[in-house]
Amino acid sequence: MSKKVKDKDFTPVEYDPQYILMVNNLKKYFPIKDGIIARTVGYVKAVDGVTFNLKRGTTMGLVGESGCGKTTAGRTILRLSGDKTAGQVLFNGREVYDMNPSELRAARTKMQIIFQDPFSSLSPRLPVGEIIGEAVRQHKLVKKEEFDDYIDKIMDNCGLQPFHKDRYPHEFSGGQRQRICIARALALNPEFIVCDEPVSALDVSIQAQIINLLKDLQEKFNLTYLFISHDLSVVEHISDTVGVMYLGNLVEYGSTEDIFKNPLHPYTKALFSAIPIPDPTVKMNRIVLEGSIPSPANPPSGCKFHTRCAYCTERCKKEAPVQREVEPGHFVVCHLFDK
């Protein structure tokens, strides 16, 4: 599939040691099959040219509408969705998709994921101690005689008790199940964790506990997070940098302070205008987008957002904008900011 996708603008980047993860023009297309012989008639462009760098020990929030490609981007970075279509994914300077099986197996301990639904990501047939320790045993990270103490320590770090080891997932609440998922990821001593909407299935009070747990673990173990979420208030609280996705593209990227104080892209402004203000006397200037999100299988020509943008020009309909650095560290993909 990747051979059929031409990527004329792809320029490889060189590794910069200050970044644990460097993503350069990442693309992930899924083929659309049709007919008796399952001929490929098109592609769903789930991720279509995403570029960002992530510093060690920081958190990047990834936000956007449902179906914009956030989860696919996270899974593609971890090499969990088959082969990429184009682009670069450098983890500690190594191209993830150039690793052989033994190198990838070693890298798996350093790259982990926390899934959105804790219950469906936990095996109902295994006790919690085995769920957390299964991968530890497979990778032989600790000696056999130290295994039980190691699992107890990991569980304690995540707010779980040692007697929970012999219980099964259905015996826990939603918040406790998510703690189990976090403990499972943490047990492998990772450097980078993709948090795929880890609190969206939990109620507000439990959300705060899980967010605070993630922040405490980050400080204690110098973890790096890619935090995928719909909840902008949570992203503002936990993230150092923020990326805004629309239809497979990263339309704006910068520090959390810059993005929330001065959103530049029309889509980012509309997205942030929906954040509720906890003050009934303040009138919200809500920006309502007309129409629905286009299909990633048949995206509009030019700028993908032009069908819903109030500032659309003829140029927007024909020419796709490129990423520009408007302020130091603040990037936007929009013709309004062309010099």
Protein backbone atom coordinates (compact mmCIF):
# COMPACT_ATOMS: atom_id res chain seq x y z
CA MET A 1 0.00 0.00 0.00
CA SER A 2 2.72 2.45 0.95
CA LYS A 3 4.32 2.15 -2.49
CA LYS A 4 1.18 3.51 -4.14
CA VAL A 5 1.11 6.66 -2.04
CA LYS A 6 3.39 9.35 -3.41
CA ASP A 7 4.97 11.57 -0.79
CA LYS A 8 6.78 14.30 -2.72
CA ASP A 9 7.14 16.72 0.19
CA PHE A 10 8.67 14.26 2.65
CA THR A 11 12.05 15.48 3.97
CA PRO A 12 13.70 13.21 6.59
CA VAL A 13 14.61 14.88 9.88
CA GLU A 14 17.77 14.29 11.90
CA TYR A 15 17.57 13.13 15.50
CA ASP A 16 17.69 15.82 18.20
CA PRO A 17 18.59 14.31 21.63
CA GLN A 18 16.28 16.68 23.55
CA TYR A 19 13.28 14.88 22.00
CA ILE A 20 12.27 11.36 22.99
CA LEU A 21 9.81 11.21 20.06
CA MET A 22 10.03 12.88 16.66
CA VAL A 23 7.09 12.41 14.29
CA ASN A 24 7.62 13.74 10.78
CA ASN A 25 4.84 13.85 8.16
CA LEU A 26 3.30 10.61 9.45
CA LYS A 27 0.60 9.10 7.24
CA LYS A 28 -1.59 6.07 7.78
CA TYR A 29 -4.08 5.11 5.05
CA PHE A 30 -6.47 2.16 5.18
CA PRO A 31 -7.46 0.58 1.83
CA ILE A 32 -11.13 0.47 0.76
CA LYS A 33 -11.85 -2.88 -0.85
CA ASP A 34 -14.66 -3.59 -3.31
CA GLY A 35 -15.85 -6.35 -5.62
CA ILE A 36 -15.40 -10.12 -5.65
CA ILE A 37 -11.61 -9.92 -5.87
CA ALA A 38 -11.48 -7.22 -3.17
CA ARG A 39 -9.85 -4.66 -5.44
CA THR A 40 -8.58 -1.49 -3.72
CA VAL A 41 -10.77 1.39 -4.91
CA GLY A 42 -9.52 4.09 -2.53
CA TYR A 43 -8.05 4.88 0.85
CA VAL A 44 -9.34 6.16 4.18
CA LYS A 45 -6.77 8.82 5.06
CA ALA A 46 -6.96 8.38 8.84
CA VAL A 47 -3.64 10.15 9.51
CA ASP A 48 -2.52 12.42 6.70
CA GLY A 49 0.73 14.23 7.44
CA VAL A 50 1.21 14.70 11.20
CA THR A 51 4.42 16.39 12.41
CA PHE A 52 5.47 17.14 16.00
CA ASN A 53 8.33 16.64 18.49
CA LEU A 54 7.92 15.55 22.10
CA LYS A 55 10.46 16.45 24.78
CA ARG A 56 11.49 13.89 27.39
CA GLY A 57 9.50 14.07 30.64
CA THR A 58 6.70 16.24 29.19
CA THR A 59 3.08 15.67 28.16
CA MET A 60 1.57 16.48 24.78
CA GLY A 61 -2.22 16.69 24.56
CA LEU A 62 -3.86 15.62 21.28
CA VAL A 63 -7.39 16.94 20.78
CA GLY A 64 -10.01 17.04 18.05
CA GLU A 65 -13.44 15.77 17.00
CA SER A 66 -14.34 12.09 17.04
CA GLY A 67 -13.00 10.43 13.90
CA CYS A 68 -10.21 12.96 13.27
CA GLY A 69 -7.44 10.34 13.65
CA LYS A 70 -6.16 10.90 17.20
CA THR A 71 -6.25 7.26 18.29
CA THR A 72 -4.92 6.02 14.93
CA ALA A 73 -2.01 8.46 15.23
CA GLY A 74 -1.16 7.12 18.70
CA ARG A 75 -1.40 3.48 17.62
CA THR A 76 0.63 4.13 14.44
CA ILE A 77 3.41 5.77 16.48
CA LEU A 78 3.60 2.59 18.60
CA ARG A 79 3.49 0.37 15.49
CA LEU A 80 0.23 -1.26 16.58
CA SER A 81 -1.71 -0.68 13.33
CA GLY A 82 0.40 -2.55 10.81
CA ASP A 83 2.79 -0.65 8.57
CA LYS A 84 2.73 3.13 8.20
CA THR A 85 1.97 4.65 4.81
CA ALA A 86 4.65 7.35 4.88
CA GLY A 87 6.67 9.55 7.20
CA GLN A 88 9.08 9.08 10.10
CA VAL A 89 8.65 7.96 13.70
CA LEU A 90 11.91 8.38 15.64
CA PHE A 91 11.92 7.01 19.19
CA ASN A 92 15.17 7.83 20.97
CA GLY A 93 16.69 8.41 17.54
CA ARG A 94 15.64 5.04 16.09
CA GLU A 95 13.09 4.70 13.30
CA VAL A 96 10.40 2.48 14.86
CA TYR A 97 9.45 0.96 11.48
CA ASP A 98 13.06 -0.01 10.66
CA MET A 99 13.47 -2.14 13.81
CA ASN A 100 13.82 -5.89 13.37
CA PRO A 101 11.66 -8.20 15.56
CA SER A 102 14.23 -8.48 18.38
CA GLU A 103 14.83 -4.71 18.45
CA LEU A 104 11.09 -4.04 18.41
CA ARG A 105 10.56 -6.51 21.26
CA ALA A 106 13.15 -4.64 23.34
CA ALA A 107 11.54 -1.28 22.44
CA ARG A 108 8.09 -2.52 23.50
CA THR A 109 9.09 -2.25 27.15
CA LYS A 110 9.92 1.45 26.63
CA MET A 111 6.69 2.31 24.73
CA GLN A 112 3.34 1.51 26.31
CA ILE A 113 -0.33 2.40 25.90
CA ILE A 114 -3.25 2.94 28.29
CA PHE A 115 -6.54 2.21 26.51
CA GLN A 116 -9.80 4.14 26.66
CA ASP A 117 -12.02 1.40 28.09
CA PRO A 118 -10.29 -0.32 31.01
CA PHE A 119 -12.74 -3.23 31.20
CA SER A 120 -12.44 -4.36 27.55
CA SER A 121 -8.63 -4.09 27.68
CA LEU A 122 -8.33 -6.46 30.67
CA SER A 123 -8.64 -10.24 30.32
CA PRO A 124 -11.60 -11.48 32.43
CA ARG A 125 -9.87 -14.87 32.85
CA LEU A 126 -6.73 -13.62 34.57
CA PRO A 127 -6.29 -12.32 38.12
CA VAL A 128 -4.95 -8.78 38.47
CA GLY A 129 -1.49 -9.90 39.61
CA GLU A 130 -1.09 -11.97 36.44
CA ILE A 131 -2.42 -9.16 34.20
CA ILE A 132 0.17 -6.73 35.57
CA GLY A 133 3.01 -9.25 35.69
CA GLU A 134 2.46 -11.23 32.47
CA ALA A 135 4.62 -8.97 30.27
CA VAL A 136 7.20 -8.56 33.06
CA ARG A 137 7.66 -12.34 33.07
CA GLN A 138 7.75 -12.52 29.25
CA HIS A 139 10.49 -9.87 29.01
CA LYS A 140 12.35 -11.28 32.05
CA LEU A 141 12.68 -7.85 33.63
CA VAL A 142 13.10 -9.11 37.20
CA LYS A 143 14.42 -12.28 38.84
CA LYS A 144 11.91 -15.01 39.68
CA GLU A 145 12.40 -14.64 43.45
CA GLU A 146 11.86 -10.84 43.22
CA PHE A 147 8.76 -11.03 41.01
CA ASP A 148 6.05 -10.88 43.72
CA ASP A 149 7.70 -8.00 45.58
CA TYR A 150 8.13 -6.10 42.29
CA ILE A 151 4.43 -6.46 41.39
CA ASP A 152 3.45 -5.37 44.93
CA LYS A 153 5.61 -2.26 44.54
CA ILE A 154 4.08 -1.38 41.16
CA MET A 155 0.55 -1.86 42.53
CA ASP A 156 1.35 0.32 45.53
CA ASN A 157 2.62 3.10 43.23
CA CYS A 158 -0.74 3.00 41.43
CA GLY A 159 -2.89 3.02 44.57
CA LEU A 160 -3.69 -0.72 44.59
CA GLN A 161 -3.37 -3.06 47.58
CA PRO A 162 -1.35 -6.35 47.56
CA PHE A 163 -4.49 -8.43 48.28
CA HIS A 164 -5.97 -7.19 44.98
CA LYS A 165 -3.56 -9.51 43.12
CA ASP A 166 -5.86 -12.53 43.40
CA ARG A 167 -9.03 -10.72 42.33
CA TYR A 168 -10.46 -10.50 38.80
CA PRO A 169 -11.27 -7.34 36.78
CA HIS A 170 -15.06 -7.65 37.22
CA GLU A 171 -14.61 -7.24 40.99
CA PHE A 172 -13.26 -3.68 40.62
CA SER A 173 -14.80 -0.28 39.94
CA GLY A 174 -14.03 1.68 36.77
CA GLY A 175 -11.41 3.84 38.46
CA GLN A 176 -9.67 0.81 39.98
CA ARG A 177 -9.64 -0.95 36.61
CA GLN A 178 -7.93 2.05 35.05
CA ARG A 179 -5.36 1.93 37.86
CA ILE A 180 -4.74 -1.71 36.90
CA CYS A 181 -4.18 -0.65 33.26
CA ILE A 182 -1.74 2.05 34.40
CA ALA A 183 0.08 -0.48 36.63
CA ARG A 184 0.33 -2.91 33.69
CA ALA A 185 1.98 -0.22 31.56
CA LEU A 186 4.21 0.99 34.40
CA ALA A 187 5.42 -2.54 35.25
CA LEU A 188 7.60 -2.62 32.13
CA ASN A 189 9.52 0.48 33.23
CA PRO A 190 8.55 2.52 30.13
CA GLU A 191 9.85 5.91 29.01
CA PHE A 192 6.89 6.86 26.79
CA ILE A 193 3.16 6.12 27.28
CA VAL A 194 0.29 6.83 24.90
CA CYS A 195 -2.74 7.64 27.08
CA ASP A 196 -5.71 7.04 24.76
CA GLU A 197 -8.59 8.87 26.47
CA PRO A 198 -7.79 7.19 29.81
CA VAL A 199 -10.43 9.09 31.81
CA SER A 200 -13.31 9.48 29.32
CA ALA A 201 -15.14 6.38 30.65
CA LEU A 202 -14.90 7.55 34.30
CA ASP A 203 -16.98 9.97 36.36
CA VAL A 204 -15.57 13.41 37.21
CA SER A 205 -14.34 12.68 40.76
CA ILE A 206 -12.51 9.54 39.63
CA GLN A 207 -11.10 11.42 36.61
CA ALA A 208 -9.30 13.82 38.95
CA GLN A 209 -7.76 10.91 40.89
CA ILE A 210 -6.45 9.24 37.71
CA ILE A 211 -5.09 12.52 36.30
CA ASN A 212 -3.28 13.25 39.56
CA LEU A 213 -1.92 9.68 39.60
CA LEU A 214 -0.54 10.11 36.06
CA LYS A 215 1.11 13.41 37.04
CA ASP A 216 2.64 11.90 40.20
CA LEU A 217 4.01 8.92 38.24
CA GLN A 218 5.44 11.29 35.61
CA GLU A 219 7.36 13.23 38.26
CA LYS A 220 8.54 10.06 40.01
CA PHE A 221 9.68 8.10 36.93
CA ASN A 222 10.31 10.94 34.38
CA LEU A 223 7.64 9.56 32.04
CA THR A 224 6.64 11.14 28.72
CA TYR A 225 2.95 11.10 27.75
CA LEU A 226 0.99 11.53 24.53
CA PHE A 227 -2.39 12.33 26.07
CA ILE A 228 -5.32 11.84 23.67
CA SER A 229 -8.58 13.38 24.90
CA HIS A 230 -11.85 15.15 24.07
CA ASP A 231 -11.88 16.98 27.39
CA LEU A 232 -10.09 20.28 26.82
CA SER A 233 -10.07 21.22 30.52
CA VAL A 234 -8.24 17.98 31.35
CA VAL A 235 -5.77 18.60 28.53
CA GLU A 236 -5.11 22.14 29.79
CA HIS A 237 -4.44 20.76 33.28
CA ILE A 238 -2.06 17.93 32.37
CA SER A 239 -0.33 18.97 29.12
CA ASP A 240 2.82 20.99 28.42
CA THR A 241 2.13 21.16 24.67
CA VAL A 242 -1.08 20.69 22.67
CA GLY A 243 -1.78 19.47 19.13
CA VAL A 244 -5.16 20.03 17.45
CA MET A 245 -6.18 17.47 14.80
CA TYR A 246 -8.76 17.83 12.06
CA LEU A 247 -9.48 15.11 9.49
CA GLY A 248 -6.08 13.45 9.82
CA ASN A 249 -4.03 16.66 9.89
CA LEU A 250 -2.40 18.54 12.77
CA VAL A 251 -3.80 22.04 12.18
CA GLU A 252 -2.20 23.74 15.21
CA TYR A 253 0.57 22.86 17.63
CA GLY A 254 2.27 24.75 20.44
CA SER A 255 2.67 25.18 24.18
CA THR A 256 -0.49 24.78 26.28
CA GLU A 257 -0.32 28.40 27.42
CA ASP A 258 -0.01 29.75 23.86
CA ILE A 259 -2.74 27.53 22.42
CA PHE A 260 -5.31 28.30 25.12
CA LYS A 261 -4.53 32.02 25.41
CA ASN A 262 -4.15 32.69 21.69
CA PRO A 263 -5.70 30.03 19.44
CA LEU A 264 -4.91 30.88 15.81
CA HIS A 265 -6.60 28.33 13.54
CA PRO A 266 -10.36 28.90 12.96
CA TYR A 267 -11.04 25.28 13.94
CA THR A 268 -9.10 25.64 17.21
CA LYS A 269 -11.07 28.80 18.03
CA ALA A 270 -14.36 26.98 17.42
CA LEU A 271 -13.23 24.00 19.49
CA PHE A 272 -12.15 26.13 22.44
CA SER A 273 -15.31 28.27 22.31
CA ALA A 274 -17.21 25.15 23.42
CA ILE A 275 -15.33 24.96 26.75
CA PRO A 276 -17.93 25.67 29.48
CA ILE A 277 -17.23 28.64 31.77
CA PRO A 278 -18.18 28.00 35.43
CA ASP A 279 -19.71 31.46 35.81
CA PRO A 280 -23.39 32.04 34.90
CA THR A 281 -22.84 35.80 34.54
CA VAL A 282 -20.30 35.39 31.72
CA LYS A 283 -21.75 35.17 28.24
CA MET A 284 -20.08 32.54 26.05
CA ASN A 285 -19.14 33.55 22.51
CA ARG A 286 -19.81 30.15 21.01
CA ILE A 287 -18.58 29.59 17.44
CA VAL A 288 -20.91 27.11 15.76
CA LEU A 289 -19.45 25.24 12.78
CA GLU A 290 -21.85 24.64 9.91
CA GLY A 291 -22.12 21.19 8.35
CA SER A 292 -20.60 17.89 9.42
CA ILE A 293 -17.02 16.66 9.29
CA PRO A 294 -16.17 15.41 5.76
CA SER A 295 -15.27 11.77 5.15
CA PRO A 296 -11.55 10.89 5.46
CA ALA A 297 -12.10 8.59 2.47
CA ASN A 298 -12.98 11.57 0.30
CA PRO A 299 -11.53 14.72 1.91
CA PRO A 300 -12.09 18.16 0.31
CA SER A 301 -9.42 19.54 -2.00
CA GLY A 302 -7.13 22.31 -0.76
CA CYS A 303 -7.56 23.02 2.95
CA LYS A 304 -9.67 20.23 4.46
CA PHE A 305 -11.41 22.69 6.77
CA HIS A 306 -12.59 25.07 4.04
CA THR A 307 -16.08 23.49 3.83
CA ARG A 308 -16.79 24.63 7.42
CA CYS A 309 -14.61 27.74 7.70
CA ALA A 310 -16.05 31.26 7.96
CA TYR A 311 -12.82 32.74 6.52
CA CYS A 312 -12.66 30.52 3.42
CA THR A 313 -11.22 32.03 0.22
CA GLU A 314 -10.81 30.65 -3.31
CA ARG A 315 -7.20 29.84 -2.48
CA CYS A 316 -8.32 27.68 0.46
CA LYS A 317 -10.45 25.55 -1.90
CA LYS A 318 -7.58 24.81 -4.26
CA GLU A 319 -4.29 24.94 -2.34
CA ALA A 320 -3.47 22.98 0.82
CA PRO A 321 -1.73 25.17 3.44
CA VAL A 322 1.63 24.20 4.95
CA GLN A 323 2.73 24.31 8.59
CA ARG A 324 4.13 27.71 9.60
CA GLU A 325 5.74 28.91 12.84
CA VAL A 326 3.75 32.07 13.64
CA GLU A 327 5.31 32.55 17.09
CA PRO A 328 8.31 30.74 18.62
CA GLY A 329 7.14 27.16 19.13
CA HIS A 330 3.59 27.92 17.93
CA PHE A 331 2.76 26.29 14.59
CA VAL A 332 -0.40 26.61 12.51
CA VAL A 333 -1.59 25.21 9.17
CA CYS A 334 -3.72 27.99 7.65
CA HIS A 335 -3.53 30.40 4.69
CA LEU A 336 -4.58 33.28 6.98
CA PHE A 337 -1.06 33.29 8.40
CA ASP A 338 0.89 33.08 5.14
CA LYS A 339 3.46 35.85 4.92
